[in-house]
Amino acid sequence: MTGEASSASVPASTGTITTAVPARLDRLPWSRWHWMIVIGLGTVWILDGLEVTIVGNVAGRIAEEGSGLDITSAQITGLAAALYVAGACLGALFFGRLTDIYGRKKLFMATLVVYLAATALTALSFETWWFFLFRFLTGFGIGGEYAAINSAIDELIPSRYRGRVDLIINGSYWLGAIGGALLSIVMLDTDIFPKDLGWRLSFALGVVLGLAVLLVRRHVPESPRWQFIHGQGEKADELVSSVEREIEKEKGKPLPPPAGEITIHQRKSIGFGLIAKTVFGRYPRRAVLGLALFIGQAFLYNAITFGFGAILITFFDVPTGSTGYYFAVIAAGNFLGPLLLGRFFDTVGRRIMISGTYLLSGLLLFGTAWLFDNGSLTATTMTACWCVVLFFASAGASSAYLTVSEIFPMETRAMAIAFFYAVGTAAGGISGPLIFAELTESGVVADTALAFQIGAGLMCAAGIVAAFLAVNAERRSLEDIATPLSATEAKTENARG
């Protein structure tokens, strides 16, 4: 067919294969097929944002007498939240390893099933231990989603669109947060739902939406990049050929020829030792970059931002039932950042945009801390300040996921995402709250201003690291950014789209 490059046919076993699959995928124009991938894989972040926000907003109601569950608000926002974070860290590492071994599709289906089942069983909680267990398992599933989905998206999306698509998909978490904030207002209205039903229905709605995502996700294919490395070169070639035919029919014109080929020695799996040696031995500067970006954004979001409701109540006397409106506003700012800035990561470039968003958000947060400490802010102006800060911070945070998914070799991709996500999430979601909880809840303005300043400092530090170490990965093939470990040194011709 027109535009199709030849690719060796091999059985599902190890061998050597010369293929143009990466270049063929990178030269594809945007199409309905790509929209199917975005919808099937990206929408789960909306569910994650929905659930996390709902839990934070309904904690007070679940803790009330008559909710059907004997639990305190502190247990929900403390122990249950910590278990969710721990589950996410362990799930990322567990499923990340399986994603590199068994493929993207099997795992992004399995992790969504785990997430949905655990969420449904959370809604049926009748004892505190049951609630704690399934909050852990919900986190376990969502942690696995991060590794499986980000690796699949980056391997299926053409190189010239990869940055903006990855940022917008990761930023879509905040669409769910907006929905969760507004939904909690309705679900907490006892004139509509009884105390023991509203919060359960909130979880149930997430399950219904997740089932719809699961139906769409069935049609998302395995990554051809994963296939040709793992002894399935013929399947990879057939899949890409079918996509090419579909897109040529849609566009009404032939595709341009691919830019190059790569020769791969196929293998079934790679051990932890080689993965660690590759990430920290071959690419130490990139490892430092990944850690800096993840820890900086994790502290900002997990340690400070998600305590925004408590800050409004403590310092501005905002009624508990009204915090959802304010949170919906800052969630909108979070989503607009990746949506409007995402394309510049592919045009202006990764280094400038990553360092710029981290540094600018940090400096703006320092300014917000100064205004807050001087008593110059109201609930409305504080929210406005946070919107501006998070407009840039959200784009930066999303770029952390993009960065670690594209700067390491194909065989280590899911595990690399899992590792940096787990470290960052543990730092921000476990140690962060331990450091900042007393500061933001003490009722002392100076303490909360200090919490802001610490978060701002970490974002600025990560921005400085990015200014020196960020990889110019824009519009480049994944194989060009980091040559696969399985590539034969003598016969590698990378696509440079």
Protein backbone atom coordinates (compact mmCIF):
# COMPACT_ATOMS: atom_id res chain seq x y z
CA MET A 1 0.00 0.00 0.00
CA THR A 2 1.05 3.63 -0.48
CA GLY A 3 3.20 5.01 2.29
CA GLU A 4 3.85 1.63 3.88
CA ALA A 5 7.41 0.63 4.68
CA SER A 6 8.50 -2.98 4.63
CA SER A 7 9.01 -4.66 7.93
CA ALA A 8 10.42 -8.12 8.50
CA SER A 9 7.95 -10.80 9.45
CA VAL A 10 9.01 -12.84 12.43
CA PRO A 11 7.26 -15.36 14.66
CA ALA A 12 6.39 -14.56 18.27
CA SER A 13 9.86 -15.45 19.50
CA THR A 14 13.17 -13.69 19.91
CA GLY A 15 15.29 -12.87 16.90
CA THR A 16 16.59 -9.87 14.99
CA ILE A 17 14.23 -7.58 13.11
CA THR A 18 14.67 -4.45 11.04
CA THR A 19 11.55 -2.32 11.20
CA ALA A 20 10.25 1.14 10.27
CA VAL A 21 7.32 0.92 12.71
CA PRO A 22 8.45 3.86 14.91
CA ALA A 23 8.97 6.13 11.91
CA ARG A 24 5.67 5.02 10.40
CA LEU A 25 3.81 5.90 13.59
CA ASP A 26 5.56 9.27 13.99
CA ARG A 27 4.75 10.48 10.46
CA LEU A 28 1.00 9.86 10.79
CA PRO A 29 -1.28 12.92 10.64
CA TRP A 30 -3.77 13.46 13.45
CA SER A 31 -6.85 11.31 12.87
CA ARG A 32 -9.97 9.74 14.34
CA TRP A 33 -7.77 6.80 15.41
CA HIS A 34 -5.71 9.10 17.62
CA TRP A 35 -8.85 10.58 19.16
CA MET A 36 -9.94 7.05 20.07
CA ILE A 37 -6.64 6.53 21.91
CA VAL A 38 -6.96 9.83 23.76
CA ILE A 39 -10.54 9.10 24.85
CA GLY A 40 -9.89 5.46 25.72
CA LEU A 41 -6.74 6.06 27.75
CA GLY A 42 -6.86 9.66 28.89
CA THR A 43 -10.31 9.86 30.42
CA VAL A 44 -9.34 7.77 33.44
CA TRP A 45 -7.57 10.81 34.92
CA ILE A 46 -10.96 12.51 35.01
CA LEU A 47 -12.15 9.62 37.19
CA ASP A 48 -9.10 9.93 39.43
CA GLY A 49 -9.70 13.64 39.93
CA LEU A 50 -13.39 13.01 40.55
CA GLU A 51 -12.74 10.42 43.22
CA VAL A 52 -9.92 12.15 45.09
CA THR A 53 -11.89 15.40 45.25
CA ILE A 54 -15.08 13.68 46.34
CA VAL A 55 -13.31 11.89 49.18
CA GLY A 56 -11.83 15.15 50.42
CA ASN A 57 -15.15 16.97 50.26
CA VAL A 58 -17.38 14.26 51.73
CA ALA A 59 -15.01 13.34 54.57
CA GLY A 60 -16.96 15.48 57.02
CA ARG A 61 -20.26 13.90 56.03
CA ILE A 62 -18.99 10.29 56.25
CA ALA A 63 -17.71 11.09 59.76
CA GLU A 64 -21.13 12.30 60.93
CA GLU A 65 -23.44 10.11 62.96
CA GLY A 66 -25.95 8.41 60.72
CA SER A 67 -23.62 8.09 57.72
CA GLY A 68 -23.59 4.32 58.05
CA LEU A 69 -19.88 4.19 58.85
CA ASP A 70 -18.23 4.61 62.26
CA ILE A 71 -15.21 6.65 61.23
CA THR A 72 -13.74 10.06 62.05
CA SER A 73 -12.87 12.84 59.61
CA ALA A 74 -9.24 12.63 60.74
CA GLN A 75 -9.16 8.92 59.86
CA ILE A 76 -10.47 9.67 56.37
CA THR A 77 -8.11 12.54 55.59
CA GLY A 78 -5.23 10.95 57.49
CA LEU A 79 -4.97 7.17 57.56
CA ALA A 80 -7.25 6.48 54.59
CA ALA A 81 -5.45 9.11 52.49
CA ALA A 82 -2.06 7.66 53.44
CA LEU A 83 -3.25 4.17 52.50
CA TYR A 84 -4.48 5.47 49.14
CA VAL A 85 -1.06 7.05 48.49
CA ALA A 86 0.78 3.91 49.63
CA GLY A 87 -1.43 1.81 47.36
CA ALA A 88 -0.70 4.13 44.43
CA CYS A 89 3.06 3.86 44.99
CA LEU A 90 3.04 0.08 45.26
CA GLY A 91 0.58 -0.29 42.39
CA ALA A 92 2.77 1.83 40.12
CA LEU A 93 5.82 -0.32 40.83
CA PHE A 94 3.95 -3.65 40.63
CA PHE A 95 1.99 -2.92 37.47
CA GLY A 96 4.83 -0.90 35.92
CA ARG A 97 7.01 -3.98 35.91
CA LEU A 98 4.22 -6.13 34.46
CA THR A 99 3.52 -3.49 31.79
CA ASP A 100 7.06 -3.76 30.46
CA ILE A 101 6.87 -7.57 30.48
CA TYR A 102 3.32 -8.36 29.31
CA GLY A 103 2.42 -5.29 27.28
CA ARG A 104 0.56 -2.01 27.61
CA LYS A 105 -2.93 -3.20 26.64
CA LYS A 106 -3.22 -6.12 29.07
CA LEU A 107 -2.18 -3.92 31.95
CA PHE A 108 -4.20 -0.80 31.16
CA MET A 109 -7.25 -3.07 31.06
CA ALA A 110 -6.32 -4.89 34.27
CA THR A 111 -5.51 -1.74 36.26
CA LEU A 112 -8.82 -0.12 35.33
CA VAL A 113 -10.70 -3.24 36.46
CA VAL A 114 -8.87 -3.16 39.82
CA TYR A 115 -9.66 0.54 40.19
CA LEU A 116 -13.37 0.10 39.36
CA ALA A 117 -13.85 -2.93 41.60
CA ALA A 118 -12.16 -1.25 44.57
CA THR A 119 -14.19 1.96 44.09
CA ALA A 120 -17.46 0.01 43.95
CA LEU A 121 -16.59 -1.88 47.11
CA THR A 122 -15.65 1.39 48.84
CA ALA A 123 -19.22 2.56 48.26
CA LEU A 124 -20.42 -0.55 50.13
CA SER A 125 -18.26 0.10 53.21
CA PHE A 126 -19.87 -1.02 56.47
CA GLU A 127 -16.80 -1.03 58.75
CA THR A 128 -13.74 1.19 58.94
CA TRP A 129 -11.35 -1.66 58.06
CA TRP A 130 -13.34 -2.29 54.87
CA PHE A 131 -13.11 1.39 53.91
CA PHE A 132 -9.36 1.45 54.59
CA LEU A 133 -8.73 -1.76 52.61
CA PHE A 134 -10.51 -0.61 49.48
CA ARG A 135 -9.06 2.87 49.61
CA PHE A 136 -5.66 1.14 49.49
CA LEU A 137 -6.75 -1.07 46.58
CA THR A 138 -8.23 1.89 44.72
CA GLY A 139 -4.85 3.61 44.98
CA PHE A 140 -3.17 0.35 43.90
CA GLY A 141 -5.19 0.39 40.68
CA ILE A 142 -4.71 4.07 39.92
CA GLY A 143 -0.96 3.83 40.49
CA GLY A 144 -0.80 1.07 37.90
CA GLU A 145 -2.78 3.25 35.49
CA TYR A 146 -0.09 5.93 35.51
CA ALA A 147 2.59 3.52 34.30
CA ALA A 148 0.49 1.59 31.77
CA ILE A 149 -1.29 4.57 30.23
CA ASN A 150 1.54 7.10 29.96
CA SER A 151 3.79 4.52 28.30
CA ALA A 152 1.04 3.52 25.83
CA ILE A 153 0.12 7.11 24.96
CA ASP A 154 3.67 8.18 24.23
CA GLU A 155 4.30 5.13 22.05
CA LEU A 156 1.12 5.59 19.99
CA ILE A 157 1.00 9.38 19.51
CA PRO A 158 3.08 10.97 16.67
CA SER A 159 6.21 12.73 17.90
CA ARG A 160 5.13 16.22 16.84
CA TYR A 161 1.97 15.99 18.98
CA ARG A 162 3.33 13.97 21.91
CA GLY A 163 4.02 16.87 24.28
CA ARG A 164 0.68 18.64 24.08
CA VAL A 165 -1.35 15.42 24.10
CA ASP A 166 0.47 14.04 27.13
CA LEU A 167 0.10 17.32 29.03
CA ILE A 168 -3.61 17.71 28.28
CA ILE A 169 -4.37 14.10 29.18
CA ASN A 170 -2.55 14.33 32.51
CA GLY A 171 -4.13 17.73 33.12
CA SER A 172 -7.61 16.29 32.54
CA TYR A 173 -7.42 15.09 36.16
CA TRP A 174 -8.67 18.57 37.01
CA LEU A 175 -11.81 18.20 34.93
CA GLY A 176 -12.68 15.38 37.29
CA ALA A 177 -11.75 17.57 40.24
CA ILE A 178 -14.18 20.24 39.04
CA GLY A 179 -16.90 17.60 38.71
CA GLY A 180 -16.07 16.13 42.10
CA ALA A 181 -16.17 19.50 43.82
CA LEU A 182 -19.55 20.40 42.34
CA LEU A 183 -20.95 16.88 42.71
CA SER A 184 -20.08 16.80 46.40
CA ILE A 185 -22.22 19.90 46.95
CA VAL A 186 -25.24 18.03 45.58
CA MET A 187 -24.44 14.75 47.27
CA LEU A 188 -24.04 16.43 50.67
CA ASP A 189 -27.45 18.09 50.44
CA THR A 190 -29.57 16.10 52.87
CA ASP A 191 -32.71 17.55 51.28
CA ILE A 192 -31.84 15.44 48.23
CA PHE A 193 -30.04 12.39 49.63
CA PRO A 194 -30.00 10.84 53.13
CA LYS A 195 -26.73 11.02 55.09
CA ASP A 196 -26.00 7.34 54.57
CA LEU A 197 -26.64 7.37 50.80
CA GLY A 198 -25.24 10.53 49.18
CA TRP A 199 -21.57 9.75 49.73
CA ARG A 200 -22.05 6.17 48.53
CA LEU A 201 -23.69 7.36 45.32
CA SER A 202 -20.71 9.64 44.72
CA PHE A 203 -18.44 6.60 44.49
CA ALA A 204 -21.02 4.67 42.47
CA LEU A 205 -21.14 7.41 39.83
CA GLY A 206 -17.40 7.08 39.36
CA VAL A 207 -17.87 3.36 38.73
CA VAL A 208 -20.53 4.00 36.08
CA LEU A 209 -18.29 6.48 34.26
CA GLY A 210 -15.36 4.06 34.55
CA LEU A 211 -17.34 1.26 32.93
CA ALA A 212 -17.98 3.54 29.96
CA VAL A 213 -14.24 4.18 29.70
CA LEU A 214 -13.59 0.43 29.89
CA LEU A 215 -15.87 -0.15 26.88
CA VAL A 216 -13.97 2.41 24.81
CA ARG A 217 -10.60 1.14 25.99
CA ARG A 218 -11.27 -2.32 24.57
CA HIS A 219 -10.63 -0.86 21.11
CA VAL A 220 -7.27 0.72 21.97
CA PRO A 221 -4.52 -1.49 20.48
CA GLU A 222 -1.32 -2.79 21.95
CA SER A 223 1.72 -0.59 21.39
CA PRO A 224 3.42 -1.69 18.15
CA ARG A 225 6.70 -0.50 19.66
CA TRP A 226 6.27 -2.98 22.49
CA GLN A 227 5.24 -5.72 20.04
CA PHE A 228 8.24 -5.58 17.73
CA ILE A 229 10.70 -5.67 20.62
CA HIS A 230 8.93 -8.60 22.29
CA GLY A 231 8.97 -11.01 19.36
CA GLN A 232 5.73 -9.88 17.73
CA GLY A 233 7.10 -8.03 14.71
CA GLU A 234 4.47 -9.41 12.36
CA LYS A 235 1.62 -8.24 14.61
CA ALA A 236 3.19 -4.80 14.91
CA ASP A 237 3.49 -4.53 11.13
CA GLU A 238 -0.11 -5.66 10.57
CA LEU A 239 -1.43 -3.20 13.16
CA VAL A 240 0.42 -0.20 11.75
CA SER A 241 -0.57 -1.18 8.19
CA SER A 242 -4.25 -1.27 9.16
CA VAL A 243 -3.95 2.15 10.82
CA GLU A 244 -2.22 3.55 7.74
CA ARG A 245 -4.99 2.27 5.47
CA GLU A 246 -7.63 3.76 7.76
CA ILE A 247 -5.93 7.17 7.88
CA GLU A 248 -5.27 7.27 4.13
CA LYS A 249 -8.94 6.59 3.54
CA GLU A 250 -9.92 9.30 6.03
CA LYS A 251 -7.55 11.92 4.60
CA GLY A 252 -8.01 10.96 0.96
CA LYS A 253 -4.30 11.06 0.11
CA PRO A 254 -1.25 8.81 0.49
CA LEU A 255 1.06 9.06 3.45
CA PRO A 256 4.65 10.27 3.04
CA PRO A 257 7.39 7.64 3.30
CA PRO A 258 8.78 6.97 6.81
CA ALA A 259 12.07 8.58 7.78
CA GLY A 260 14.10 5.54 8.75
CA GLU A 261 14.44 2.06 10.21
CA ILE A 262 15.81 0.49 13.35
CA THR A 263 17.29 -2.97 13.82
CA ILE A 264 16.22 -4.71 17.03
CA HIS A 265 17.35 -7.88 18.75
CA GLN A 266 14.06 -9.05 20.22
CA ARG A 267 13.77 -10.22 23.81
CA LYS A 268 10.98 -11.31 26.12
CA SER A 269 11.92 -9.34 29.24
CA ILE A 270 14.66 -7.34 30.94
CA GLY A 271 15.75 -7.80 34.53
CA PHE A 272 15.62 -5.22 37.31
CA GLY A 273 19.43 -5.04 37.36
CA LEU A 274 19.66 -3.88 33.76
CA ILE A 275 16.78 -1.45 34.24
CA ALA A 276 18.47 0.16 37.26
CA LYS A 277 21.84 0.21 35.48
CA THR A 278 20.25 1.91 32.48
CA VAL A 279 18.27 4.56 34.37
CA PHE A 280 20.94 5.48 36.92
CA GLY A 281 24.13 4.35 35.19
CA ARG A 282 23.63 5.31 31.56
CA TYR A 283 21.34 8.30 32.22
CA PRO A 284 22.23 9.75 35.67
CA ARG A 285 21.47 13.36 34.64
CA ARG A 286 18.05 12.33 33.39
CA ALA A 287 17.40 10.44 36.63
CA VAL A 288 18.21 13.57 38.65
CA LEU A 289 15.88 15.56 36.39
CA GLY A 290 13.01 13.10 36.89
CA LEU A 291 13.40 13.08 40.67
CA ALA A 292 13.55 16.88 40.87
CA LEU A 293 10.45 17.39 38.74
CA PHE A 294 8.35 14.78 40.54
CA ILE A 295 9.31 15.74 44.07
CA GLY A 296 8.77 19.45 43.40
CA GLN A 297 5.28 19.08 41.97
CA ALA A 298 4.28 16.38 44.45
CA PHE A 299 5.03 18.59 47.45
CA LEU A 300 3.13 21.49 45.94
CA TYR A 301 0.01 19.48 45.18
CA ASN A 302 -0.19 16.79 47.84
CA ALA A 303 1.19 18.82 50.72
CA ILE A 304 -0.37 22.23 50.14
CA THR A 305 -2.97 22.44 47.38
CA PHE A 306 -5.21 19.68 48.70
CA GLY A 307 -5.34 21.50 52.03
CA PHE A 308 -6.86 24.54 50.32
CA GLY A 309 -10.32 23.89 51.79
CA ALA A 310 -8.95 23.84 55.34
CA ILE A 311 -7.12 27.12 54.69
CA LEU A 312 -10.34 28.78 53.50
CA ILE A 313 -12.25 27.59 56.56
CA THR A 314 -9.50 28.44 59.07
CA PHE A 315 -8.41 31.86 57.84
CA PHE A 316 -11.37 33.20 55.86
CA ASP A 317 -14.35 31.64 57.71
CA VAL A 318 -15.70 30.06 54.53
CA PRO A 319 -18.55 27.62 55.41
CA THR A 320 -17.66 23.96 54.96
CA GLY A 321 -20.44 23.47 52.43
CA SER A 322 -19.10 26.26 50.21
CA THR A 323 -15.46 25.21 49.82
CA GLY A 324 -16.40 23.10 46.80
CA TYR A 325 -17.15 26.23 44.77
CA TYR A 326 -13.70 27.68 45.47
CA PHE A 327 -11.99 24.38 44.75
CA ALA A 328 -13.82 24.10 41.41
CA VAL A 329 -12.36 27.48 40.43
CA ILE A 330 -8.73 26.55 41.17
CA ALA A 331 -9.30 23.16 39.49
CA ALA A 332 -10.34 25.05 36.35
CA GLY A 333 -7.06 27.00 36.50
CA ASN A 334 -5.20 23.69 36.78
CA PHE A 335 -6.83 22.31 33.64
CA LEU A 336 -6.45 25.46 31.55
CA GLY A 337 -2.67 25.46 32.08
CA PRO A 338 -1.89 22.23 30.17
CA LEU A 339 -4.70 22.92 27.70
CA LEU A 340 -3.41 26.36 26.64
CA LEU A 341 0.33 25.89 27.19
CA GLY A 342 0.67 22.30 25.97
CA ARG A 343 1.39 23.10 22.32
CA PHE A 344 4.36 25.28 23.30
CA PHE A 345 6.11 22.20 24.72
CA ASP A 346 6.19 20.90 21.12
CA THR A 347 7.07 24.22 19.46
CA VAL A 348 9.06 26.44 21.84
CA GLY A 349 10.65 23.33 23.33
CA ARG A 350 10.82 21.16 26.43
CA ARG A 351 13.72 22.84 28.24
CA ILE A 352 12.33 26.38 28.11
CA MET A 353 8.74 25.37 28.90
CA ILE A 354 9.49 22.89 31.70
CA SER A 355 11.93 25.18 33.51
CA GLY A 356 9.75 28.22 32.81
CA THR A 357 6.52 26.75 34.21
CA TYR A 358 8.23 25.44 37.33
CA LEU A 359 10.11 28.68 38.03
CA LEU A 360 7.18 30.97 37.26
CA SER A 361 4.75 29.00 39.43
CA GLY A 362 7.28 28.99 42.27
CA LEU A 363 7.90 32.73 42.06
CA LEU A 364 4.16 33.46 41.91
CA LEU A 365 3.63 31.26 44.96
CA PHE A 366 6.30 33.23 46.83
CA GLY A 367 4.32 36.35 45.97
CA THR A 368 1.09 34.75 47.17
CA ALA A 369 2.77 33.79 50.46
CA TRP A 370 3.92 37.40 50.94
CA LEU A 371 0.43 38.80 50.29
CA PHE A 372 -1.14 36.21 52.61
CA ASP A 373 1.35 36.91 55.38
CA ASN A 374 0.59 40.64 55.13
CA GLY A 375 -3.14 40.05 55.43
CA SER A 376 -3.78 41.46 51.96
CA LEU A 377 -5.93 38.57 50.68
CA THR A 378 -9.57 37.55 50.97
CA ALA A 379 -11.02 34.14 50.15
CA THR A 380 -11.75 35.41 46.63
CA THR A 381 -8.36 37.00 45.96
CA MET A 382 -6.56 34.01 47.53
CA THR A 383 -8.41 31.77 45.11
CA ALA A 384 -7.50 34.07 42.22
CA CYS A 385 -3.82 33.93 43.21
CA TRP A 386 -3.91 30.14 43.40
CA CYS A 387 -5.55 29.99 39.96
CA VAL A 388 -2.65 31.89 38.43
CA VAL A 389 -0.03 29.86 40.31
CA LEU A 390 -1.62 26.55 39.35
CA PHE A 391 -2.15 27.57 35.72
CA PHE A 392 1.62 27.30 35.32
CA ALA A 393 2.25 24.65 38.00
CA SER A 394 -0.19 22.21 36.43
CA ALA A 395 1.52 22.43 33.04
CA GLY A 396 4.84 21.86 34.78
CA ALA A 397 3.53 18.93 36.83
CA SER A 398 2.07 17.27 33.73
CA SER A 399 5.39 17.72 31.94
CA ALA A 400 7.05 15.65 34.69
CA TYR A 401 5.06 12.60 33.52
CA LEU A 402 5.86 13.41 29.90
CA THR A 403 9.56 13.75 30.68
CA VAL A 404 10.14 10.43 32.44
CA SER A 405 8.06 8.56 29.85
CA GLU A 406 10.12 9.76 26.88
CA ILE A 407 13.74 10.13 28.05
CA PHE A 408 14.47 6.48 28.91
CA PRO A 409 14.71 3.45 26.59
CA MET A 410 11.57 1.69 25.43
CA GLU A 411 12.20 -1.46 27.49
CA THR A 412 12.36 0.50 30.75
CA ARG A 413 9.63 3.07 30.02
CA ALA A 414 6.77 1.84 32.20
CA MET A 415 9.08 0.95 35.06
CA ALA A 416 10.77 4.36 34.88
CA ILE A 417 7.38 6.11 35.03
CA ALA A 418 6.40 3.89 37.96
CA PHE A 419 9.62 4.55 39.88
CA PHE A 420 9.59 8.34 39.58
CA TYR A 421 5.85 8.50 40.21
CA ALA A 422 6.22 6.34 43.34
CA VAL A 423 9.11 8.41 44.72
CA GLY A 424 7.38 11.72 44.01
CA THR A 425 4.02 10.55 45.33
CA ALA A 426 5.60 9.14 48.49
CA ALA A 427 7.48 12.39 49.08
CA GLY A 428 4.49 14.63 48.49
CA GLY A 429 1.70 12.39 49.70
CA ILE A 430 3.30 10.96 52.82
CA SER A 431 6.18 13.11 54.06
CA GLY A 432 4.64 16.32 52.68
CA PRO A 433 1.47 16.26 54.80
CA LEU A 434 3.49 15.26 57.85
CA ILE A 435 5.56 18.42 57.41
CA PHE A 436 2.80 20.81 56.40
CA ALA A 437 -0.32 19.59 58.22
CA GLU A 438 0.42 21.41 61.47
CA LEU A 439 1.59 24.50 59.60
CA THR A 440 -1.60 24.93 57.57
CA GLU A 441 -3.96 23.88 60.36
CA SER A 442 -2.36 25.81 63.24
CA GLY A 443 -4.39 28.93 62.59
CA VAL A 444 -1.18 30.98 62.57
CA VAL A 445 -0.80 32.99 59.38
CA ALA A 446 3.00 32.89 59.43
CA ASP A 447 2.99 29.08 59.63
CA THR A 448 0.83 28.71 56.55
CA ALA A 449 2.89 31.33 54.70
CA LEU A 450 5.97 29.23 55.51
CA ALA A 451 4.26 26.16 54.02
CA PHE A 452 3.65 28.12 50.82
CA GLN A 453 7.28 29.23 50.75
CA ILE A 454 8.62 25.69 51.13
CA GLY A 455 6.45 24.50 48.26
CA ALA A 456 7.52 27.48 46.16
CA GLY A 457 11.18 26.82 46.91
CA LEU A 458 10.95 23.21 45.78
CA MET A 459 9.24 24.22 42.53
CA CYS A 460 11.94 26.83 41.84
CA ALA A 461 14.69 24.31 42.62
CA ALA A 462 13.16 21.82 40.16
CA GLY A 463 12.91 24.58 37.56
CA ILE A 464 16.61 25.37 37.92
CA VAL A 465 17.47 21.67 37.53
CA ALA A 466 15.32 21.52 34.38
CA ALA A 467 17.04 24.61 32.95
CA PHE A 468 20.33 22.70 32.98
CA LEU A 469 19.28 19.06 32.55
CA ALA A 470 16.03 18.99 30.54
CA VAL A 471 16.22 17.01 27.29
CA ASN A 472 15.27 18.69 24.01
CA ALA A 473 12.79 15.95 23.14
CA GLU A 474 10.29 18.01 21.16
CA ARG A 475 9.26 16.53 17.78
CA ARG A 476 11.83 13.73 18.12
CA SER A 477 11.22 10.01 17.87
CA LEU A 478 11.32 8.14 21.17
CA GLU A 479 14.05 5.92 19.68
CA ASP A 480 16.09 9.02 18.86
CA ILE A 481 15.77 10.43 22.39
CA ALA A 482 16.84 7.13 24.00
CA THR A 483 18.02 4.26 21.82
CA PRO A 484 16.30 0.99 22.80
CA LEU A 485 18.47 -1.42 24.77
CA SER A 486 17.56 -4.07 22.20
CA ALA A 487 18.85 -2.05 19.23
CA THR A 488 21.83 -3.53 17.43
CA GLU A 489 24.59 -0.95 17.49
CA ALA A 490 25.73 -1.51 13.91
CA LYS A 491 22.39 -1.14 12.12
CA THR A 492 20.40 1.58 13.83
CA GLU A 493 18.87 4.33 11.75
CA ASN A 494 16.57 6.38 13.92
CA ALA A 495 13.61 8.41 12.74
CA ARG A 496 14.06 12.10 13.51
CA GLY A 497 10.61 13.44 12.62
